Amino acid sequence: MSIGPAGGVLGSDRVARRTAILTVVLLCGVTLLVAFLNKARCAGAPFRTDGRSAAFDYVKDARVCYSDIQFLWLGRDIDQHIFPYIHGGITADGTLTGGAVEYPVLSGLLMWLGALGAHNDAAFLLRSALLLAPFALVTAWLLARLAGRAALLWAAGPPLVLYAFHNWELPVVCTTVAAAAVMASTRFPIRVRGALAAMLLGLGFCFKIYPAIFVIPLMLYVLTGGERERAGPGSRPRLDLGGASAVAGAAVATVAAVNLPFALAGYNGWRASIEFQQQREADITTNSIWYWGLRPLFGSDPLSSAAFTETVSIASPTLIIVSFAVALWTGWRRYAESGVYPWLGVSGAMLCGFLVFHKVHSPQYTLWLIPFLVLLAVPWPVVWSYLAADIAIGVGVFRYFYTLGTGNSVDLMEAVVRFGVWGRATLLVLLFWLFLKVPMRSPRLTAVRDPEPGELVNETGSGTRR
């Protein structure tokens, strides 16, 4: 610690910052334990001969302890310890066979690793949780360094309890946050940081696809010189086409390097994961605006169902692309005004557009959004409102499925699900615009305020007035 009043304060702040970061990480560990115990209520003896917990089929919805991890112990040859993709494929009716799974290759590899040594779904859940937990802890550490106490939203919030071990989301979230951390550093030139961040986003693509969309705003950030000062009033720096190309090349090379061995060793099994997602329909399990909003306008006969599916297959990708274009264009307008392209805010807005209009909106996708709510200075009432709508989905949809099976009235639980679907969609539209306008939160854990609107925030988080 430095000697003297100023040095003493600086040293005290540094100790307080490290202590706060450690506290965030420890709290995240506690939350992960609670999250595992919640899902483990569905798992355990007695087991069927195929290793499925006997209780899973009749308590998973009633107790809201369902997880895709436990569910997929069967049906993807995970229980047979078949190495994924190599011998797999997909049938005409959409059934995956021979070790093929519906996720990109790195998620499939994690699934296979989690099953090693496991002979029932409870052991598979435990081993998978042990593999996934470090990604959540690293994410908590990075978010605490980048955004201070706001990282508690990730480390101790309801979404981590509900979804940490629901599916294989934690690694992909970690890669996205790591990319943001790389770009927030000033240790290397922007071209180097851009390429490293693009590689991380490429790895994220190999886990769950969606980080690929963030490469475009990252390219524009590098293209425009990042936080570099303008040469004079009204002037702009020369566009760095080479740097932007390096970002694109790093992302593409990473994706190719990871996927090519699987595609060469078993093309049909590798391709099956893509075909499975293409064939998936917006049904009652997808929690999307398409099912709860558009589906009632079509009849229940097969022709009407086919018309609904065809409509969604056109409208969904079209609106997603339009939302991406609007986000990128709005980001460019902000660059024209401030001289800095808001790549992180544009990325968050693009994610919102994807979540609103995609035909599938699984509950655990909330984990994708939380880092943006942490890193960007979204008003906290909006954040709490989104969490309330998310809990309505994360809890309500499983209670709704349970009630459907009992034959009792589903009016109450259906109302809860509708509130969650439409509340979440409405707030995503609001967040789309907020992400494009608000600055980053301050990383100073002892700070008493976040940057104000209209205040530019550099890559280390400190603010300067425009």
Protein backbone atom coordinates (compact mmCIF):
# COMPACT_ATOMS: atom_id res chain seq x y z
CA MET A 1 0.00 0.00 0.00
CA SER A 2 1.29 3.48 -0.86
CA ILE A 3 2.34 5.84 1.97
CA GLY A 4 0.45 9.08 2.53
CA PRO A 5 -3.19 10.12 2.56
CA ALA A 6 -3.75 9.80 -1.18
CA GLY A 7 -1.78 6.58 -1.38
CA GLY A 8 -3.62 5.20 1.64
CA VAL A 9 -6.98 5.87 0.05
CA LEU A 10 -5.82 4.34 -3.21
CA GLY A 11 -4.51 1.26 -1.41
CA SER A 12 -7.70 0.93 0.62
CA ASP A 13 -9.77 1.14 -2.54
CA ARG A 14 -7.65 -1.59 -4.14
CA VAL A 15 -8.13 -3.89 -1.13
CA ALA A 16 -11.85 -3.15 -1.04
CA ARG A 17 -12.11 -3.91 -4.76
CA ARG A 18 -10.34 -7.25 -4.42
CA THR A 19 -12.45 -8.15 -1.40
CA ALA A 20 -15.64 -7.28 -3.23
CA ILE A 21 -14.62 -9.32 -6.28
CA LEU A 22 -13.84 -12.30 -4.04
CA THR A 23 -17.20 -11.86 -2.32
CA VAL A 24 -19.01 -11.93 -5.67
CA VAL A 25 -17.22 -15.13 -6.67
CA LEU A 26 -17.92 -16.82 -3.32
CA LEU A 27 -21.58 -15.85 -3.48
CA CYS A 28 -21.70 -17.28 -6.98
CA GLY A 29 -20.36 -20.56 -5.58
CA VAL A 30 -23.11 -20.64 -2.97
CA THR A 31 -25.72 -19.89 -5.63
CA LEU A 32 -24.41 -22.71 -7.80
CA LEU A 33 -24.73 -25.13 -4.88
CA VAL A 34 -28.34 -24.06 -4.37
CA ALA A 35 -28.94 -24.39 -8.12
CA PHE A 36 -27.61 -27.94 -8.14
CA LEU A 37 -29.60 -28.98 -5.07
CA ASN A 38 -32.72 -27.61 -6.75
CA LYS A 39 -32.22 -29.76 -9.86
CA ALA A 40 -31.05 -32.76 -7.84
CA ARG A 41 -34.51 -33.02 -6.27
CA CYS A 42 -35.50 -34.79 -9.49
CA ALA A 43 -32.59 -37.22 -9.41
CA GLY A 44 -31.66 -40.19 -7.27
CA ALA A 45 -32.51 -43.76 -6.34
CA PRO A 46 -34.47 -45.79 -7.14
CA PHE A 47 -33.36 -46.00 -10.76
CA ARG A 48 -34.90 -47.82 -13.70
CA THR A 49 -32.81 -50.32 -15.61
CA ASP A 50 -31.87 -47.63 -18.14
CA GLY A 51 -30.46 -45.39 -15.40
CA ARG A 52 -33.38 -42.96 -15.28
CA SER A 53 -34.42 -41.80 -11.80
CA ALA A 54 -37.85 -43.28 -11.17
CA ALA A 55 -39.06 -39.99 -9.67
CA PHE A 56 -38.09 -37.88 -12.70
CA ASP A 57 -41.18 -38.59 -14.77
CA TYR A 58 -43.71 -37.66 -12.09
CA VAL A 59 -42.07 -34.91 -10.00
CA LYS A 60 -40.01 -32.85 -12.49
CA ASP A 61 -42.83 -30.44 -13.35
CA ALA A 62 -44.64 -30.46 -10.02
CA ARG A 63 -41.47 -29.59 -8.11
CA VAL A 64 -40.03 -27.39 -10.89
CA CYS A 65 -36.78 -29.35 -10.86
CA TYR A 66 -36.71 -30.39 -14.51
CA SER A 67 -33.43 -30.02 -16.38
CA ASP A 68 -32.48 -30.79 -19.96
CA ILE A 69 -29.27 -32.27 -18.61
CA GLN A 70 -31.09 -35.00 -16.75
CA PHE A 71 -33.68 -35.44 -19.49
CA LEU A 72 -31.08 -35.97 -22.22
CA TRP A 73 -29.41 -38.80 -20.34
CA LEU A 74 -31.67 -40.88 -22.58
CA GLY A 75 -32.48 -40.44 -26.25
CA ARG A 76 -29.07 -39.23 -27.51
CA ASP A 77 -26.96 -42.31 -26.69
CA ILE A 78 -25.32 -40.35 -23.90
CA ASP A 79 -26.05 -43.23 -21.54
CA GLN A 80 -24.20 -45.51 -23.99
CA HIS A 81 -21.14 -43.21 -23.89
CA ILE A 82 -21.11 -42.86 -27.67
CA PHE A 83 -18.74 -40.14 -28.83
CA PRO A 84 -21.00 -37.44 -30.32
CA TYR A 85 -21.62 -36.74 -34.01
CA ILE A 86 -19.15 -39.20 -35.50
CA HIS A 87 -21.61 -42.06 -36.07
CA GLY A 88 -24.83 -40.08 -35.80
CA GLY A 89 -27.54 -38.78 -38.04
CA ILE A 90 -31.16 -37.67 -38.12
CA THR A 91 -34.19 -39.53 -39.43
CA ALA A 92 -36.92 -38.14 -41.67
CA ASP A 93 -39.15 -37.51 -38.66
CA GLY A 94 -36.45 -35.51 -36.84
CA THR A 95 -35.14 -38.22 -34.48
CA LEU A 96 -31.44 -37.97 -33.68
CA THR A 97 -29.50 -41.24 -33.80
CA GLY A 98 -26.04 -42.66 -33.20
CA GLY A 99 -24.74 -40.06 -30.77
CA ALA A 100 -25.90 -36.97 -32.65
CA VAL A 101 -27.16 -34.15 -30.40
CA GLU A 102 -29.00 -30.92 -31.20
CA TYR A 103 -26.26 -28.59 -30.00
CA PRO A 104 -23.01 -27.37 -31.58
CA VAL A 105 -19.94 -29.53 -31.18
CA LEU A 106 -18.40 -28.10 -28.01
CA SER A 107 -21.68 -28.51 -26.10
CA GLY A 108 -21.92 -32.07 -27.42
CA LEU A 109 -18.37 -32.70 -26.25
CA LEU A 110 -19.25 -31.43 -22.75
CA MET A 111 -22.27 -33.73 -22.70
CA TRP A 112 -20.05 -36.69 -23.54
CA LEU A 113 -17.47 -35.73 -20.92
CA GLY A 114 -20.18 -35.33 -18.27
CA ALA A 115 -21.39 -38.86 -18.94
CA LEU A 116 -17.98 -40.51 -18.53
CA GLY A 117 -18.14 -42.86 -15.58
CA ALA A 118 -21.86 -42.20 -15.06
CA HIS A 119 -24.38 -45.03 -15.10
CA ASN A 120 -27.53 -43.09 -14.22
CA ASP A 121 -28.99 -39.64 -14.75
CA ALA A 122 -28.16 -38.47 -11.21
CA ALA A 123 -24.46 -39.11 -11.73
CA PHE A 124 -24.66 -37.46 -15.15
CA LEU A 125 -26.27 -34.38 -13.60
CA LEU A 126 -23.59 -34.17 -10.90
CA ARG A 127 -20.67 -34.63 -13.29
CA SER A 128 -22.13 -32.11 -15.72
CA ALA A 129 -22.60 -29.60 -12.91
CA LEU A 130 -18.96 -30.00 -11.88
CA LEU A 131 -17.89 -29.36 -15.48
CA LEU A 132 -20.14 -26.30 -15.88
CA ALA A 133 -19.66 -24.57 -12.51
CA PRO A 134 -16.15 -23.17 -13.22
CA PHE A 135 -17.52 -21.27 -16.22
CA ALA A 136 -20.05 -19.53 -13.97
CA LEU A 137 -17.37 -18.65 -11.43
CA VAL A 138 -15.08 -17.19 -14.09
CA THR A 139 -18.02 -15.21 -15.44
CA ALA A 140 -18.74 -13.82 -11.97
CA TRP A 141 -15.07 -12.83 -11.55
CA LEU A 142 -14.96 -11.07 -14.92
CA LEU A 143 -18.25 -9.26 -14.39
CA ALA A 144 -17.16 -8.07 -10.95
CA ARG A 145 -13.97 -6.65 -12.44
CA LEU A 146 -15.88 -4.97 -15.27
CA ALA A 147 -19.00 -3.71 -13.51
CA GLY A 148 -18.44 -3.86 -9.76
CA ARG A 149 -21.31 -4.72 -7.46
CA ALA A 150 -23.74 -5.03 -10.35
CA ALA A 151 -22.16 -8.46 -10.90
CA LEU A 152 -24.25 -9.70 -7.97
CA LEU A 153 -27.13 -9.86 -10.44
CA TRP A 154 -25.28 -12.75 -12.08
CA ALA A 155 -23.70 -14.26 -8.99
CA ALA A 156 -26.70 -14.29 -6.65
CA GLY A 157 -29.74 -13.65 -8.85
CA PRO A 158 -32.71 -15.96 -9.45
CA PRO A 159 -31.69 -16.87 -13.03
CA LEU A 160 -28.54 -18.68 -11.91
CA VAL A 161 -30.57 -20.68 -9.38
CA LEU A 162 -33.17 -21.62 -11.97
CA TYR A 163 -30.98 -22.26 -15.00
CA ALA A 164 -27.32 -22.84 -14.07
CA PHE A 165 -27.76 -26.59 -14.54
CA HIS A 166 -30.87 -26.58 -16.69
CA ASN A 167 -28.88 -26.85 -19.91
CA TRP A 168 -25.33 -26.22 -21.11
CA GLU A 169 -25.46 -22.39 -21.16
CA LEU A 170 -22.67 -21.45 -18.75
CA PRO A 171 -19.71 -21.98 -21.12
CA VAL A 172 -21.19 -19.87 -23.91
CA VAL A 173 -22.01 -17.03 -21.50
CA CYS A 174 -18.44 -17.18 -20.21
CA THR A 175 -16.97 -16.80 -23.70
CA THR A 176 -19.12 -13.73 -24.36
CA VAL A 177 -18.15 -12.05 -21.10
CA ALA A 178 -14.50 -12.94 -21.68
CA ALA A 179 -14.69 -11.24 -25.08
CA ALA A 180 -16.07 -8.12 -23.43
CA ALA A 181 -13.27 -8.25 -20.85
CA VAL A 182 -10.63 -8.51 -23.56
CA MET A 183 -12.04 -5.45 -25.31
CA ALA A 184 -12.19 -3.52 -22.02
CA SER A 185 -8.48 -4.02 -21.50
CA THR A 186 -5.90 -1.53 -22.82
CA ARG A 187 -2.95 -3.89 -22.57
CA PHE A 188 -2.81 -4.68 -26.30
CA PRO A 189 -3.57 -2.72 -29.48
CA ILE A 190 -7.18 -2.73 -30.57
CA ARG A 191 -6.48 -5.01 -33.55
CA VAL A 192 -5.01 -7.66 -31.26
CA ARG A 193 -7.83 -7.34 -28.74
CA GLY A 194 -10.41 -7.48 -31.51
CA ALA A 195 -8.94 -10.68 -32.92
CA LEU A 196 -8.73 -12.31 -29.48
CA ALA A 197 -12.32 -11.33 -28.67
CA ALA A 198 -13.44 -12.67 -32.06
CA MET A 199 -11.79 -16.00 -31.28
CA LEU A 200 -13.69 -16.16 -28.00
CA LEU A 201 -16.94 -15.37 -29.77
CA GLY A 202 -16.08 -18.07 -32.31
CA LEU A 203 -15.69 -20.55 -29.47
CA GLY A 204 -19.04 -19.32 -28.14
CA PHE A 205 -20.59 -20.12 -31.51
CA CYS A 206 -19.31 -23.67 -31.11
CA PHE A 207 -21.19 -23.91 -27.82
CA LYS A 208 -24.55 -22.27 -28.64
CA ILE A 209 -24.38 -20.25 -31.92
CA TYR A 210 -25.66 -16.86 -30.72
CA PRO A 211 -22.29 -15.16 -29.93
CA ALA A 212 -21.61 -15.17 -33.68
CA ILE A 213 -23.95 -12.20 -34.08
CA PHE A 214 -21.70 -10.10 -31.84
CA VAL A 215 -18.82 -10.37 -34.30
CA ILE A 216 -20.45 -7.81 -36.62
CA PRO A 217 -20.63 -4.95 -34.07
CA LEU A 218 -17.14 -5.92 -32.88
CA MET A 219 -15.89 -5.54 -36.45
CA LEU A 220 -17.49 -2.09 -36.66
CA TYR A 221 -15.90 -1.11 -33.35
CA VAL A 222 -12.44 -2.06 -34.60
CA LEU A 223 -13.17 -0.56 -38.01
CA THR A 224 -13.90 2.83 -36.43
CA GLY A 225 -10.88 2.80 -34.13
CA GLY A 226 -12.56 1.99 -30.83
CA GLU A 227 -12.11 4.72 -28.22
CA ARG A 228 -9.57 6.63 -30.28
CA GLU A 229 -9.99 10.40 -30.16
CA ARG A 230 -11.07 12.27 -33.27
CA ALA A 231 -8.46 14.38 -34.99
CA GLY A 232 -10.60 17.49 -34.65
CA PRO A 233 -14.17 18.81 -34.51
CA GLY A 234 -16.39 16.90 -36.90
CA SER A 235 -13.56 14.69 -38.14
CA ARG A 236 -13.33 10.93 -37.98
CA PRO A 237 -10.33 8.60 -37.88
CA ARG A 238 -9.48 6.59 -40.96
CA LEU A 239 -11.48 3.38 -41.08
CA ASP A 240 -9.36 0.35 -40.22
CA LEU A 241 -10.44 -2.15 -42.87
CA GLY A 242 -7.52 -4.44 -42.07
CA GLY A 243 -8.43 -4.60 -38.39
CA ALA A 244 -12.08 -5.34 -39.15
CA SER A 245 -11.04 -8.07 -41.58
CA ALA A 246 -8.77 -9.58 -38.94
CA VAL A 247 -11.73 -9.76 -36.53
CA ALA A 248 -13.86 -11.56 -39.11
CA GLY A 249 -11.00 -13.87 -40.07
CA ALA A 250 -10.25 -14.80 -36.45
CA ALA A 251 -13.88 -15.70 -35.79
CA VAL A 252 -14.25 -17.74 -38.98
CA ALA A 253 -10.93 -19.53 -38.46
CA THR A 254 -11.87 -20.48 -34.90
CA VAL A 255 -15.24 -21.87 -35.94
CA ALA A 256 -13.68 -23.80 -38.80
CA ALA A 257 -10.87 -25.22 -36.65
CA VAL A 258 -13.33 -26.54 -34.07
CA ASN A 259 -15.97 -27.86 -36.45
CA LEU A 260 -13.90 -29.24 -39.31
CA PRO A 261 -12.64 -32.38 -37.51
CA PHE A 262 -16.22 -33.35 -36.60
CA ALA A 263 -17.56 -32.57 -40.07
CA LEU A 264 -14.82 -34.66 -41.71
CA ALA A 265 -15.13 -37.56 -39.27
CA GLY A 266 -18.92 -37.76 -39.46
CA TYR A 267 -20.62 -35.22 -41.69
CA ASN A 268 -24.14 -36.63 -41.25
CA GLY A 269 -23.88 -36.54 -37.46
CA TRP A 270 -22.41 -33.04 -37.49
CA ARG A 271 -25.06 -31.79 -39.91
CA ALA A 272 -27.84 -33.43 -37.85
CA SER A 273 -27.59 -30.80 -35.11
CA ILE A 274 -28.30 -28.06 -37.66
CA GLU A 275 -31.16 -29.94 -39.28
CA PHE A 276 -32.75 -30.63 -35.89
CA GLN A 277 -32.94 -26.91 -35.07
CA GLN A 278 -34.23 -26.10 -38.54
CA GLN A 279 -37.05 -28.63 -38.16
CA ARG A 280 -38.08 -27.52 -34.67
CA GLU A 281 -41.50 -25.89 -34.57
CA ALA A 282 -42.94 -23.12 -32.41
CA ASP A 283 -45.02 -25.39 -30.18
CA ILE A 284 -46.19 -25.21 -26.57
CA THR A 285 -42.68 -25.99 -25.29
CA THR A 286 -41.00 -23.00 -26.96
CA ASN A 287 -42.45 -20.13 -24.84
CA SER A 288 -42.39 -17.85 -27.88
CA ILE A 289 -44.66 -15.01 -28.99
CA TRP A 290 -45.39 -17.07 -32.07
CA TYR A 291 -47.14 -19.85 -30.17
CA TRP A 292 -48.91 -17.63 -27.65
CA GLY A 293 -49.65 -14.78 -30.04
CA LEU A 294 -49.92 -15.99 -33.63
CA ARG A 295 -50.93 -19.65 -33.17
CA PRO A 296 -54.47 -18.92 -31.88
CA LEU A 297 -55.21 -17.11 -35.16
CA PHE A 298 -54.84 -20.42 -37.04
CA GLY A 299 -57.18 -23.38 -36.77
CA SER A 300 -56.39 -26.75 -35.23
CA ASP A 301 -56.65 -28.83 -38.40
CA PRO A 302 -53.47 -30.13 -40.08
CA LEU A 303 -53.66 -27.63 -42.95
CA SER A 304 -53.87 -24.69 -40.54
CA SER A 305 -51.00 -26.07 -38.48
CA ALA A 306 -48.89 -26.38 -41.62
CA ALA A 307 -49.77 -22.81 -42.59
CA PHE A 308 -48.76 -21.59 -39.13
CA THR A 309 -45.42 -23.42 -39.32
CA GLU A 310 -44.70 -22.02 -42.78
CA THR A 311 -45.61 -18.49 -41.67
CA VAL A 312 -43.28 -18.66 -38.69
CA SER A 313 -40.47 -20.11 -40.80
CA ILE A 314 -40.59 -16.97 -42.95
CA ALA A 315 -41.58 -14.27 -40.46
CA SER A 316 -39.18 -15.26 -37.67
CA PRO A 317 -35.86 -15.03 -39.56
CA THR A 318 -37.05 -11.98 -41.49
CA LEU A 319 -37.85 -10.02 -38.33
CA ILE A 320 -34.64 -11.16 -36.66
CA ILE A 321 -32.60 -9.84 -39.59
CA VAL A 322 -34.54 -6.57 -39.58
CA SER A 323 -33.89 -6.13 -35.84
CA PHE A 324 -30.18 -6.76 -36.43
CA ALA A 325 -30.09 -4.15 -39.17
CA VAL A 326 -31.85 -1.58 -36.99
CA ALA A 327 -29.45 -2.19 -34.11
CA LEU A 328 -26.36 -1.90 -36.33
CA TRP A 329 -27.68 1.26 -38.02
CA THR A 330 -28.58 2.88 -34.69
CA GLY A 331 -25.11 2.04 -33.42
CA TRP A 332 -23.61 3.75 -36.46
CA ARG A 333 -25.66 6.85 -35.73
CA ARG A 334 -24.26 6.90 -32.20
CA TYR A 335 -20.78 6.59 -33.67
CA ALA A 336 -21.47 9.59 -35.90
CA GLU A 337 -22.50 11.61 -32.83
CA SER A 338 -19.91 10.48 -30.30
CA GLY A 339 -17.02 9.07 -32.29
CA VAL A 340 -17.30 5.66 -30.58
CA TYR A 341 -19.19 2.69 -31.98
CA PRO A 342 -21.11 1.10 -29.04
CA TRP A 343 -20.35 -2.50 -29.91
CA LEU A 344 -21.47 -3.95 -26.60
CA GLY A 345 -24.78 -2.08 -26.60
CA VAL A 346 -25.44 -3.06 -30.22
CA SER A 347 -24.64 -6.68 -29.36
CA GLY A 348 -27.14 -6.57 -26.50
CA ALA A 349 -29.79 -5.06 -28.76
CA MET A 350 -29.21 -7.74 -31.40
CA LEU A 351 -29.60 -10.41 -28.74
CA CYS A 352 -32.92 -8.84 -27.70
CA GLY A 353 -34.13 -8.93 -31.30
CA PHE A 354 -33.15 -12.58 -31.55
CA LEU A 355 -34.89 -13.51 -28.30
CA VAL A 356 -38.11 -11.71 -29.21
CA PHE A 357 -38.51 -13.09 -32.73
CA HIS A 358 -36.88 -16.51 -32.63
CA LYS A 359 -39.35 -19.39 -32.76
CA VAL A 360 -37.82 -20.89 -29.61
CA HIS A 361 -37.35 -18.94 -26.37
CA SER A 362 -36.27 -21.47 -23.78
CA PRO A 363 -36.27 -20.22 -20.16
CA GLN A 364 -32.52 -20.63 -19.71
CA TYR A 365 -31.83 -18.08 -22.46
CA THR A 366 -32.14 -15.48 -19.71
CA LEU A 367 -28.58 -16.39 -18.75
CA TRP A 368 -27.49 -15.02 -22.15
CA LEU A 369 -29.01 -11.64 -21.32
CA ILE A 370 -27.87 -11.17 -17.71
CA PRO A 371 -24.27 -10.06 -18.56
CA PHE A 372 -25.64 -7.21 -20.66
CA LEU A 373 -27.88 -6.14 -17.77
CA VAL A 374 -24.77 -6.17 -15.58
CA LEU A 375 -22.38 -4.39 -17.94
CA LEU A 376 -24.72 -1.73 -19.31
CA ALA A 377 -26.36 0.87 -17.06
CA VAL A 378 -29.96 -0.25 -17.52
CA PRO A 379 -32.26 1.27 -14.87
CA TRP A 380 -32.69 -1.24 -12.07
CA PRO A 381 -36.53 -1.14 -12.07
CA VAL A 382 -36.40 -2.44 -15.66
CA VAL A 383 -34.04 -5.22 -14.56
CA TRP A 384 -36.28 -6.25 -11.65
CA SER A 385 -39.33 -6.22 -13.94
CA TYR A 386 -37.60 -8.51 -16.39
CA LEU A 387 -36.63 -10.92 -13.62
CA ALA A 388 -40.25 -11.03 -12.45
CA ALA A 389 -41.45 -11.94 -15.94
CA ASP A 390 -38.67 -14.48 -16.25
CA ILE A 391 -39.59 -16.19 -12.98
CA ALA A 392 -43.17 -16.43 -14.24
CA ILE A 393 -41.82 -18.46 -17.16
CA GLY A 394 -39.10 -20.35 -15.30
CA VAL A 395 -41.54 -21.57 -12.65
CA GLY A 396 -44.94 -21.11 -14.27
CA VAL A 397 -44.38 -23.09 -17.45
CA PHE A 398 -43.50 -26.27 -15.57
CA ARG A 399 -46.43 -25.87 -13.19
CA TYR A 400 -48.57 -25.33 -16.28
CA PHE A 401 -47.38 -28.60 -17.81
CA TYR A 402 -48.02 -30.36 -14.50
CA THR A 403 -51.55 -28.95 -14.26
CA LEU A 404 -52.27 -30.02 -17.83
CA GLY A 405 -51.44 -33.59 -16.81
CA THR A 406 -53.73 -33.55 -13.78
CA GLY A 407 -56.85 -32.68 -15.75
CA ASN A 408 -57.60 -29.75 -13.45
CA SER A 409 -58.28 -26.19 -14.58
CA VAL A 410 -55.20 -24.59 -16.14
CA ASP A 411 -56.57 -21.04 -16.28
CA LEU A 412 -54.39 -19.68 -13.47
CA MET A 413 -51.13 -21.24 -14.61
CA GLU A 414 -51.83 -20.35 -18.22
CA ALA A 415 -52.32 -16.73 -17.15
CA VAL A 416 -48.95 -16.86 -15.36
CA VAL A 417 -47.25 -18.20 -18.49
CA ARG A 418 -48.91 -15.57 -20.67
CA PHE A 419 -47.74 -12.87 -18.28
CA GLY A 420 -44.22 -14.23 -18.51
CA VAL A 421 -44.22 -14.52 -22.30
CA TRP A 422 -45.64 -11.08 -23.00
CA GLY A 423 -43.96 -9.34 -20.08
CA ARG A 424 -40.62 -10.68 -21.19
CA ALA A 425 -41.22 -9.78 -24.86
CA THR A 426 -42.32 -6.24 -23.99
CA LEU A 427 -39.29 -5.66 -21.80
CA LEU A 428 -36.96 -7.07 -24.45
CA VAL A 429 -38.26 -4.45 -26.87
CA LEU A 430 -37.58 -1.78 -24.24
CA LEU A 431 -34.13 -3.22 -23.54
CA PHE A 432 -33.38 -3.21 -27.27
CA TRP A 433 -33.49 0.59 -27.23
CA LEU A 434 -31.97 1.03 -23.79
CA PHE A 435 -28.91 -1.04 -24.67
CA LEU A 436 -28.30 1.28 -27.61
CA LYS A 437 -28.41 4.40 -25.42
CA VAL A 438 -27.04 3.71 -21.95
CA PRO A 439 -23.33 3.79 -21.03
CA MET A 440 -21.40 1.03 -19.30
CA ARG A 441 -21.55 0.67 -15.55
CA SER A 442 -18.58 1.77 -13.51
CA PRO A 443 -16.12 -0.98 -12.55
CA ARG A 444 -15.23 0.82 -9.31
CA LEU A 445 -16.79 -1.32 -6.62
CA THR A 446 -16.56 1.55 -4.12
CA ALA A 447 -18.17 4.05 -6.47
CA VAL A 448 -21.51 5.51 -5.45
CA ARG A 449 -22.87 6.14 -8.92
CA ASP A 450 -23.00 4.72 -12.43
CA PRO A 451 -22.09 6.93 -15.40
CA GLU A 452 -24.84 9.30 -16.42
CA PRO A 453 -26.58 9.22 -19.81
CA GLY A 454 -24.59 11.35 -22.22
CA GLU A 455 -21.31 10.43 -20.53
CA LEU A 456 -18.84 8.53 -22.69
CA VAL A 457 -17.21 5.56 -21.03
CA ASN A 458 -13.82 4.36 -22.18
CA GLU A 459 -12.67 0.75 -22.30
CA THR A 460 -11.49 0.81 -18.67
CA GLY A 461 -14.87 2.08 -17.52
CA SER A 462 -13.96 5.65 -16.54
CA GLY A 463 -16.26 8.36 -17.81
CA THR A 464 -15.69 11.62 -19.61
CA ARG A 465 -18.26 14.17 -20.61
CA ARG A 466 -19.00 14.70 -24.28
